[in-house]
């Protein structure tokens, strides 16, 4: 693979992941608003707080860095974009290296983020309560949000990569 293709693919993945994250946020917010009040109460009761904030604090503690409140808030706000950009790069890798079609690559990258990050690492690392503690609507919201993410990330990356073909 030529350097130009590598750089243009990486750029498409970064932008696609960013756009996917921007699309996912209002989708999951709306789905939360539509959730039954009992499910919202259960979710609130078991949640230790923002997984991104908890993760940023744990990472800082691990490397011995003391964050101010503002720095912690900034790190927590940036974290979903870092995860989303990683998914965008995964998308481009699936397209370019495995030659998957855009729908399959978008679905695969979205489901990797959902299953590995949301349903796997987040509870295992103590960034959330265990998966079983949350109502089904919480998991469905994450699943549907990630589908929206995958569609937006794939569409954006495809538009950007089509200019380079």
N, C-alpha and C. Protein backbone atom coordinates (compact mmCIF):
# COMPACT_ATOMS: atom_id res chain seq x y z
N UNK A 1 0.86 -1.18 0.00
CA UNK A 1 0.00 0.00 0.00
C UNK A 1 0.90 1.23 0.00
N UNK A 2 0.57 2.15 -0.86
CA UNK A 2 1.37 3.38 -0.95
C UNK A 2 1.10 4.30 0.22
N UNK A 3 2.08 5.15 0.50
CA UNK A 3 1.97 6.08 1.63
C UNK A 3 0.75 6.99 1.48
N UNK A 4 0.52 7.47 0.28
CA UNK A 4 -0.62 8.37 0.05
C UNK A 4 -1.94 7.67 0.37
N UNK A 5 -2.08 6.41 -0.04
CA UNK A 5 -3.30 5.64 0.25
C UNK A 5 -3.45 5.41 1.75
N UNK A 6 -2.34 5.14 2.41
CA UNK A 6 -2.37 4.91 3.85
C UNK A 6 -2.82 6.17 4.59
N UNK A 7 -2.25 7.30 4.22
CA UNK A 7 -2.59 8.56 4.87
C UNK A 7 -4.03 8.97 4.56
N UNK A 8 -4.44 8.84 3.29
CA UNK A 8 -5.81 9.22 2.95
C UNK A 8 -6.83 8.29 3.61
N UNK A 9 -6.51 7.00 3.71
CA UNK A 9 -7.39 6.07 4.40
C UNK A 9 -7.49 6.38 5.88
N UNK A 10 -6.34 6.68 6.49
CA UNK A 10 -6.34 7.03 7.92
C UNK A 10 -7.15 8.30 8.16
N UNK A 11 -6.99 9.28 7.29
CA UNK A 11 -7.76 10.52 7.44
C UNK A 11 -9.25 10.25 7.30
N UNK A 12 -9.63 9.41 6.33
CA UNK A 12 -11.05 9.06 6.15
C UNK A 12 -11.58 8.34 7.39
N UNK A 13 -10.77 7.48 7.99
CA UNK A 13 -11.17 6.78 9.20
C UNK A 13 -11.34 7.70 10.38
N UNK A 14 -10.42 8.63 10.54
CA UNK A 14 -10.51 9.60 11.64
C UNK A 14 -11.77 10.45 11.50
N UNK A 15 -11.98 11.01 10.32
CA UNK A 15 -13.16 11.86 10.11
C UNK A 15 -14.44 11.02 10.21
N UNK A 16 -14.43 9.84 9.62
CA UNK A 16 -15.61 8.97 9.70
C UNK A 16 -15.95 8.61 11.14
N UNK A 17 -14.94 8.27 11.93
CA UNK A 17 -15.17 7.95 13.34
C UNK A 17 -15.69 9.13 14.13
N UNK A 18 -15.15 10.31 13.82
CA UNK A 18 -15.62 11.53 14.50
C UNK A 18 -17.09 11.79 14.15
N UNK A 19 -17.41 11.73 12.87
CA UNK A 19 -18.79 11.97 12.44
C UNK A 19 -19.72 10.91 13.03
N UNK A 20 -19.29 9.66 13.03
CA UNK A 20 -20.10 8.59 13.61
C UNK A 20 -20.41 8.87 15.07
N UNK A 21 -19.43 9.35 15.81
CA UNK A 21 -19.63 9.68 17.22
C UNK A 21 -20.60 10.85 17.37
N UNK A 22 -20.46 11.85 16.52
CA UNK A 22 -21.38 13.00 16.56
C UNK A 22 -22.82 12.58 16.25
N UNK A 23 -22.99 11.59 15.38
CA UNK A 23 -24.33 11.10 15.06
C UNK A 23 -24.88 10.23 16.19
N UNK A 24 -24.02 9.43 16.78
CA UNK A 24 -24.45 8.51 17.82
C UNK A 24 -24.99 9.24 19.05
N UNK A 25 -24.37 10.33 19.44
CA UNK A 25 -24.75 11.04 20.66
C UNK A 25 -26.23 11.45 20.69
N UNK A 26 -26.77 12.14 19.69
CA UNK A 26 -28.18 12.50 19.77
C UNK A 26 -29.12 11.30 19.64
N UNK A 27 -28.67 10.26 18.93
CA UNK A 27 -29.50 9.06 18.81
C UNK A 27 -29.66 8.41 20.19
N UNK A 28 -28.56 8.23 20.91
CA UNK A 28 -28.66 7.59 22.22
C UNK A 28 -29.37 8.49 23.23
N UNK A 29 -29.20 9.79 23.08
CA UNK A 29 -29.91 10.73 23.96
C UNK A 29 -31.43 10.61 23.76
N UNK A 30 -31.86 10.56 22.52
CA UNK A 30 -33.29 10.44 22.23
C UNK A 30 -33.82 9.10 22.72
N UNK A 31 -33.06 8.04 22.51
CA UNK A 31 -33.49 6.72 22.98
C UNK A 31 -33.59 6.67 24.51
N UNK A 32 -32.68 7.38 25.19
CA UNK A 32 -32.76 7.46 26.65
C UNK A 32 -34.05 8.17 27.06
N UNK A 33 -34.38 9.26 26.37
CA UNK A 33 -35.61 10.00 26.68
C UNK A 33 -36.84 9.11 26.52
N UNK A 34 -36.80 8.19 25.56
CA UNK A 34 -37.94 7.32 25.29
C UNK A 34 -38.01 6.09 26.20
N UNK A 35 -36.96 5.85 26.97
CA UNK A 35 -36.92 4.67 27.84
C UNK A 35 -37.94 4.79 28.96
N UNK A 36 -38.45 3.66 29.43
CA UNK A 36 -39.38 3.69 30.57
C UNK A 36 -38.72 4.31 31.80
N UNK A 37 -39.49 5.04 32.57
CA UNK A 37 -38.96 5.71 33.76
C UNK A 37 -38.35 4.71 34.75
N UNK A 38 -38.94 3.54 34.87
CA UNK A 38 -38.39 2.52 35.78
C UNK A 38 -37.00 2.08 35.33
N UNK A 39 -36.79 1.98 34.02
CA UNK A 39 -35.48 1.60 33.50
C UNK A 39 -34.45 2.71 33.76
N UNK A 40 -34.88 3.96 33.58
CA UNK A 40 -33.98 5.08 33.85
C UNK A 40 -33.56 5.10 35.32
N UNK A 41 -34.53 4.85 36.20
CA UNK A 41 -34.24 4.84 37.64
C UNK A 41 -33.28 3.71 37.99
N UNK A 42 -33.50 2.54 37.42
CA UNK A 42 -32.61 1.40 37.69
C UNK A 42 -31.20 1.69 37.18
N UNK A 43 -31.12 2.25 35.98
CA UNK A 43 -29.81 2.57 35.40
C UNK A 43 -29.07 3.59 36.28
N UNK A 44 -29.78 4.60 36.70
CA UNK A 44 -29.18 5.63 37.55
C UNK A 44 -28.72 5.04 38.89
N UNK A 45 -29.51 4.13 39.44
CA UNK A 45 -29.19 3.54 40.74
C UNK A 45 -27.92 2.69 40.71
N UNK A 46 -27.66 2.02 39.59
CA UNK A 46 -26.50 1.12 39.54
C UNK A 46 -25.26 1.75 38.92
N UNK A 47 -25.43 2.83 38.20
CA UNK A 47 -24.30 3.45 37.50
C UNK A 47 -23.36 4.16 38.48
N UNK A 48 -22.05 3.90 38.37
CA UNK A 48 -21.11 4.60 39.23
C UNK A 48 -20.79 6.01 38.74
N UNK A 49 -21.31 6.39 37.58
CA UNK A 49 -21.03 7.70 37.00
C UNK A 49 -20.62 7.56 35.55
N UNK A 50 -20.11 8.62 34.97
CA UNK A 50 -19.69 8.61 33.58
C UNK A 50 -18.51 7.65 33.39
N UNK A 51 -18.66 6.63 32.54
CA UNK A 51 -17.54 5.72 32.29
C UNK A 51 -16.30 6.45 31.77
N UNK A 52 -16.51 7.48 30.96
CA UNK A 52 -15.37 8.22 30.41
C UNK A 52 -14.66 9.01 31.50
N UNK A 53 -15.41 9.58 32.39
CA UNK A 53 -14.79 10.33 33.50
C UNK A 53 -14.04 9.37 34.44
N UNK A 54 -14.69 8.25 34.77
CA UNK A 54 -14.04 7.27 35.63
C UNK A 54 -12.78 6.74 34.95
N UNK A 55 -12.86 6.46 33.66
CA UNK A 55 -11.71 5.96 32.92
C UNK A 55 -10.57 6.97 32.86
N UNK A 56 -10.90 8.22 32.63
CA UNK A 56 -9.87 9.27 32.60
C UNK A 56 -9.18 9.39 33.96
N UNK A 57 -9.96 9.33 35.03
CA UNK A 57 -9.38 9.42 36.37
C UNK A 57 -8.50 8.21 36.66
N UNK A 58 -8.97 7.02 36.30
CA UNK A 58 -8.17 5.80 36.53
C UNK A 58 -6.88 5.83 35.73
N UNK A 59 -6.94 6.29 34.49
CA UNK A 59 -5.74 6.38 33.66
C UNK A 59 -4.74 7.37 34.25
N UNK A 60 -5.24 8.51 34.71
CA UNK A 60 -4.36 9.51 35.33
C UNK A 60 -3.73 8.95 36.59
N UNK A 61 -4.52 8.28 37.41
CA UNK A 61 -3.99 7.68 38.64
C UNK A 61 -2.93 6.62 38.33
N UNK A 62 -3.17 5.85 37.29
CA UNK A 62 -2.25 4.78 36.91
C UNK A 62 -0.88 5.32 36.53
N UNK A 63 -0.85 6.46 35.87
CA UNK A 63 0.45 7.03 35.47
C UNK A 63 0.95 8.10 36.43
N UNK A 64 0.21 8.29 37.52
CA UNK A 64 0.67 9.21 38.55
C UNK A 64 0.49 10.68 38.23
N UNK A 65 -0.54 11.00 37.46
CA UNK A 65 -0.80 12.39 37.09
C UNK A 65 -2.03 12.89 37.86
N UNK A 66 -1.91 14.07 38.42
CA UNK A 66 -3.02 14.70 39.14
C UNK A 66 -3.72 15.65 38.17
N UNK A 67 -4.99 15.37 37.88
CA UNK A 67 -5.76 16.21 36.97
C UNK A 67 -6.61 17.20 37.74
N UNK A 68 -6.70 18.41 37.23
CA UNK A 68 -7.64 19.38 37.78
C UNK A 68 -9.04 18.97 37.32
N UNK A 69 -10.03 19.57 37.92
CA UNK A 69 -11.41 19.28 37.52
C UNK A 69 -11.62 19.59 36.04
N UNK A 70 -11.08 20.69 35.58
CA UNK A 70 -11.20 21.07 34.17
C UNK A 70 -10.51 20.08 33.25
N UNK A 71 -9.32 19.63 33.63
CA UNK A 71 -8.60 18.64 32.83
C UNK A 71 -9.36 17.30 32.80
N UNK A 72 -9.91 16.91 33.93
CA UNK A 72 -10.67 15.67 33.99
C UNK A 72 -11.91 15.77 33.10
N UNK A 73 -12.59 16.90 33.15
CA UNK A 73 -13.77 17.10 32.30
C UNK A 73 -13.39 17.08 30.83
N UNK A 74 -12.27 17.70 30.48
CA UNK A 74 -11.82 17.72 29.08
C UNK A 74 -11.45 16.32 28.61
N UNK A 75 -10.76 15.57 29.44
CA UNK A 75 -10.38 14.20 29.07
C UNK A 75 -11.62 13.33 28.90
N UNK A 76 -12.59 13.48 29.79
CA UNK A 76 -13.83 12.71 29.70
C UNK A 76 -14.62 13.08 28.44
N UNK A 77 -14.61 14.35 28.07
CA UNK A 77 -15.32 14.79 26.87
C UNK A 77 -14.63 14.30 25.60
N UNK A 78 -13.31 14.18 25.62
CA UNK A 78 -12.56 13.74 24.45
C UNK A 78 -12.60 12.23 24.26
N UNK A 79 -12.78 11.49 25.33
CA UNK A 79 -12.68 10.03 25.29
C UNK A 79 -13.64 9.37 24.30
N UNK A 80 -14.93 9.77 24.22
CA UNK A 80 -15.80 9.10 23.24
C UNK A 80 -15.31 9.30 21.81
N UNK A 81 -14.69 10.44 21.55
CA UNK A 81 -14.18 10.70 20.20
C UNK A 81 -12.95 9.84 19.91
N UNK A 82 -12.13 9.63 20.92
CA UNK A 82 -10.98 8.74 20.74
C UNK A 82 -11.44 7.32 20.42
N UNK A 83 -12.46 6.86 21.13
CA UNK A 83 -13.01 5.53 20.86
C UNK A 83 -13.65 5.50 19.47
N UNK A 84 -14.41 6.52 19.15
CA UNK A 84 -15.07 6.59 17.84
C UNK A 84 -14.09 6.64 16.69
N UNK A 85 -13.02 7.40 16.85
CA UNK A 85 -11.99 7.48 15.81
C UNK A 85 -11.32 6.12 15.62
N UNK A 86 -11.11 5.42 16.71
CA UNK A 86 -10.55 4.06 16.61
C UNK A 86 -11.47 3.17 15.77
N UNK A 87 -12.77 3.28 15.99
CA UNK A 87 -13.73 2.52 15.19
C UNK A 87 -13.69 2.92 13.72
N UNK A 88 -13.50 4.20 13.45
CA UNK A 88 -13.38 4.66 12.07
C UNK A 88 -12.14 4.10 11.39
N UNK A 89 -11.05 4.04 12.12
CA UNK A 89 -9.83 3.44 11.57
C UNK A 89 -10.01 1.94 11.34
N UNK A 90 -10.73 1.28 12.26
CA UNK A 90 -11.05 -0.13 12.07
C UNK A 90 -11.87 -0.31 10.80
N UNK A 91 -12.85 0.56 10.59
CA UNK A 91 -13.68 0.50 9.39
C UNK A 91 -12.81 0.54 8.13
N UNK A 92 -11.92 1.50 8.05
CA UNK A 92 -11.07 1.62 6.87
C UNK A 92 -10.17 0.39 6.71
N UNK A 93 -9.67 -0.13 7.81
CA UNK A 93 -8.87 -1.35 7.74
C UNK A 93 -9.67 -2.52 7.19
N UNK A 94 -10.91 -2.67 7.65
CA UNK A 94 -11.76 -3.75 7.15
C UNK A 94 -12.05 -3.59 5.66
N UNK A 95 -12.23 -2.35 5.23
CA UNK A 95 -12.49 -2.08 3.81
C UNK A 95 -11.25 -2.33 2.96
N UNK A 96 -10.14 -1.79 3.40
CA UNK A 96 -8.92 -1.83 2.58
C UNK A 96 -8.17 -3.15 2.67
N UNK A 97 -8.08 -3.72 3.85
CA UNK A 97 -7.28 -4.93 4.02
C UNK A 97 -8.08 -6.21 3.77
N UNK A 98 -9.32 -6.24 4.24
CA UNK A 98 -10.14 -7.45 4.07
C UNK A 98 -11.13 -7.33 2.91
N UNK A 99 -11.21 -6.13 2.33
CA UNK A 99 -12.07 -5.87 1.17
C UNK A 99 -13.54 -6.18 1.46
N UNK A 100 -13.97 -5.91 2.71
CA UNK A 100 -15.37 -6.07 3.05
C UNK A 100 -16.18 -4.96 2.39
N UNK A 101 -17.44 -5.24 2.09
CA UNK A 101 -18.27 -4.17 1.52
C UNK A 101 -18.59 -3.16 2.62
N UNK A 102 -19.01 -1.96 2.24
CA UNK A 102 -19.21 -0.90 3.24
C UNK A 102 -20.23 -1.24 4.33
N UNK A 103 -21.31 -1.92 3.97
CA UNK A 103 -22.33 -2.25 4.97
C UNK A 103 -21.77 -3.22 6.01
N UNK A 104 -21.09 -4.26 5.54
CA UNK A 104 -20.53 -5.26 6.45
C UNK A 104 -19.42 -4.64 7.30
N UNK A 105 -18.56 -3.84 6.69
CA UNK A 105 -17.47 -3.20 7.44
C UNK A 105 -18.01 -2.21 8.47
N UNK A 106 -19.05 -1.45 8.11
CA UNK A 106 -19.67 -0.51 9.05
C UNK A 106 -20.32 -1.23 10.21
N UNK A 107 -21.04 -2.30 9.90
CA UNK A 107 -21.69 -3.08 10.95
C UNK A 107 -20.65 -3.74 11.85
N UNK A 108 -19.61 -4.29 11.25
CA UNK A 108 -18.57 -4.97 12.03
C UNK A 108 -17.85 -4.00 12.96
N UNK A 109 -17.46 -2.84 12.44
CA UNK A 109 -16.74 -1.89 13.29
C UNK A 109 -17.64 -1.38 14.41
N UNK A 110 -18.91 -1.15 14.12
CA UNK A 110 -19.84 -0.69 15.14
C UNK A 110 -20.05 -1.75 16.22
N UNK A 111 -20.18 -3.00 15.80
CA UNK A 111 -20.42 -4.08 16.76
C UNK A 111 -19.18 -4.40 17.58
N UNK A 112 -17.99 -4.22 17.00
CA UNK A 112 -16.77 -4.39 17.79
C UNK A 112 -16.76 -3.37 18.92
N UNK A 113 -17.05 -2.12 18.60
CA UNK A 113 -17.08 -1.10 19.66
C UNK A 113 -18.14 -1.42 20.70
N UNK A 114 -19.32 -1.81 20.26
CA UNK A 114 -20.41 -2.11 21.19
C UNK A 114 -20.05 -3.29 22.09
N UNK A 115 -19.64 -4.38 21.48
CA UNK A 115 -19.39 -5.60 22.26
C UNK A 115 -18.09 -5.53 23.07
N UNK A 116 -17.02 -5.09 22.45
CA UNK A 116 -15.72 -5.09 23.14
C UNK A 116 -15.64 -3.95 24.16
N UNK A 117 -16.04 -2.75 23.75
CA UNK A 117 -15.90 -1.60 24.65
C UNK A 117 -17.08 -1.51 25.62
N UNK A 118 -18.28 -1.33 25.10
CA UNK A 118 -19.45 -1.09 25.96
C UNK A 118 -19.82 -2.30 26.82
N UNK A 119 -19.92 -3.45 26.19
CA UNK A 119 -20.39 -4.64 26.90
C UNK A 119 -19.25 -5.43 27.53
N UNK A 120 -18.02 -5.17 27.13
CA UNK A 120 -16.88 -5.93 27.63
C UNK A 120 -15.98 -5.15 28.57
N UNK A 121 -15.14 -4.30 27.98
CA UNK A 121 -14.12 -3.61 28.77
C UNK A 121 -14.69 -2.64 29.80
N UNK A 122 -15.75 -1.95 29.45
CA UNK A 122 -16.30 -0.95 30.37
C UNK A 122 -16.68 -1.56 31.72
N UNK A 123 -17.46 -2.64 31.76
CA UNK A 123 -17.74 -3.23 33.07
C UNK A 123 -16.55 -3.96 33.68
N UNK A 124 -15.75 -4.62 32.86
CA UNK A 124 -14.59 -5.37 33.38
C UNK A 124 -13.60 -4.44 34.06
N UNK A 125 -13.40 -3.25 33.50
CA UNK A 125 -12.45 -2.29 34.06
C UNK A 125 -13.05 -1.45 35.19
N UNK A 126 -14.29 -1.72 35.54
CA UNK A 126 -14.93 -0.98 36.63
C UNK A 126 -15.39 0.42 36.23
N UNK A 127 -15.59 0.64 34.93
CA UNK A 127 -16.04 1.95 34.46
C UNK A 127 -17.57 2.04 34.46
N UNK A 128 -18.21 0.91 34.70
CA UNK A 128 -19.67 0.85 34.83
C UNK A 128 -19.99 -0.30 35.77
N UNK A 129 -21.25 -0.42 36.09
CA UNK A 129 -21.71 -1.59 36.84
C UNK A 129 -21.64 -2.81 35.92
N UNK A 130 -21.73 -4.00 36.46
CA UNK A 130 -21.77 -5.19 35.59
C UNK A 130 -22.95 -5.10 34.62
N UNK A 131 -22.78 -5.70 33.44
CA UNK A 131 -23.81 -5.64 32.40
C UNK A 131 -25.19 -6.06 32.92
N UNK A 132 -25.24 -7.11 33.72
CA UNK A 132 -26.54 -7.63 34.19
C UNK A 132 -27.27 -6.66 35.12
N UNK A 133 -26.57 -5.70 35.66
CA UNK A 133 -27.21 -4.74 36.56
C UNK A 133 -28.10 -3.75 35.82
N UNK A 134 -27.85 -3.59 34.52
CA UNK A 134 -28.58 -2.61 33.73
C UNK A 134 -29.80 -3.23 33.08
N UNK A 135 -30.86 -2.45 32.89
CA UNK A 135 -32.04 -2.97 32.20
C UNK A 135 -31.75 -3.23 30.72
N UNK A 136 -32.58 -4.04 30.11
CA UNK A 136 -32.42 -4.37 28.69
C UNK A 136 -32.41 -3.11 27.83
N UNK A 137 -33.21 -2.12 28.19
CA UNK A 137 -33.28 -0.89 27.37
C UNK A 137 -31.93 -0.19 27.29
N UNK A 138 -31.10 -0.30 28.32
CA UNK A 138 -29.77 0.30 28.29
C UNK A 138 -28.93 -0.36 27.20
N UNK A 139 -28.97 -1.67 27.15
CA UNK A 139 -28.18 -2.41 26.15
C UNK A 139 -28.73 -2.17 24.74
N UNK A 140 -30.03 -2.12 24.60
CA UNK A 140 -30.63 -1.85 23.30
C UNK A 140 -30.28 -0.46 22.81
N UNK A 141 -30.27 0.51 23.72
CA UNK A 141 -29.90 1.87 23.36
C UNK A 141 -28.46 1.90 22.84
N UNK A 142 -27.57 1.21 23.53
CA UNK A 142 -26.18 1.14 23.07
C UNK A 142 -26.06 0.45 21.72
N UNK A 143 -26.78 -0.64 21.55
CA UNK A 143 -26.74 -1.37 20.28
C UNK A 143 -27.22 -0.49 19.13
N UNK A 144 -28.39 0.13 19.31
CA UNK A 144 -28.94 0.99 18.25
C UNK A 144 -28.07 2.22 18.01
N UNK A 145 -27.54 2.78 19.07
CA UNK A 145 -26.63 3.91 18.92
C UNK A 145 -25.40 3.54 18.11
N UNK A 146 -24.87 2.35 18.36
CA UNK A 146 -23.71 1.91 17.60
C UNK A 146 -24.05 1.61 16.15
N UNK A 147 -25.26 1.15 15.88
CA UNK A 147 -25.67 0.99 14.47
C UNK A 147 -25.68 2.34 13.76
N UNK A 148 -26.20 3.37 14.43
CA UNK A 148 -26.19 4.71 13.85
C UNK A 148 -24.75 5.18 13.65
N UNK A 149 -23.91 4.93 14.65
CA UNK A 149 -22.49 5.26 14.53
C UNK A 149 -21.88 4.61 13.29
N UNK A 150 -22.08 3.29 13.15
CA UNK A 150 -21.49 2.55 12.05
C UNK A 150 -21.95 3.06 10.70
N UNK A 151 -23.23 3.36 10.57
CA UNK A 151 -23.75 3.88 9.31
C UNK A 151 -23.13 5.23 8.97
N UNK A 152 -23.06 6.11 9.95
CA UNK A 152 -22.50 7.45 9.70
C UNK A 152 -21.00 7.39 9.45
N UNK A 153 -20.29 6.58 10.21
CA UNK A 153 -18.84 6.46 10.02
C UNK A 153 -18.53 5.88 8.64
N UNK A 154 -19.28 4.85 8.26
CA UNK A 154 -19.05 4.21 6.96
C UNK A 154 -19.38 5.17 5.83
N UNK A 155 -20.52 5.84 5.91
CA UNK A 155 -20.91 6.76 4.84
C UNK A 155 -19.88 7.87 4.67
N UNK A 156 -19.43 8.43 5.79
CA UNK A 156 -18.46 9.52 5.74
C UNK A 156 -17.13 9.04 5.17
N UNK A 157 -16.65 7.93 5.67
CA UNK A 157 -15.37 7.41 5.17
C UNK A 157 -15.45 7.06 3.69
N UNK A 158 -16.57 6.49 3.27
CA UNK A 158 -16.73 6.14 1.85
C UNK A 158 -16.71 7.38 0.97
N UNK A 159 -17.38 8.43 1.41
CA UNK A 159 -17.37 9.68 0.63
C UNK A 159 -15.95 10.19 0.50
N UNK A 160 -15.22 10.19 1.60
CA UNK A 160 -13.85 10.70 1.58
C UNK A 160 -12.92 9.81 0.77
N UNK A 161 -13.10 8.51 0.87
CA UNK A 161 -12.23 7.59 0.13
C UNK A 161 -12.57 7.55 -1.36
N UNK A 162 -13.81 7.88 -1.71
CA UNK A 162 -14.19 7.84 -3.13
C UNK A 162 -13.45 8.92 -3.92
N UNK A 163 -13.07 9.98 -3.27
CA UNK A 163 -12.30 11.04 -3.92
C UNK A 163 -10.87 10.59 -4.24
N UNK A 164 -10.40 9.55 -3.59
CA UNK A 164 -9.00 9.11 -3.74
C UNK A 164 -8.87 7.88 -4.63
N UNK A 165 -9.98 7.35 -5.11
CA UNK A 165 -9.91 6.13 -5.93
C UNK A 165 -9.71 6.45 -7.37
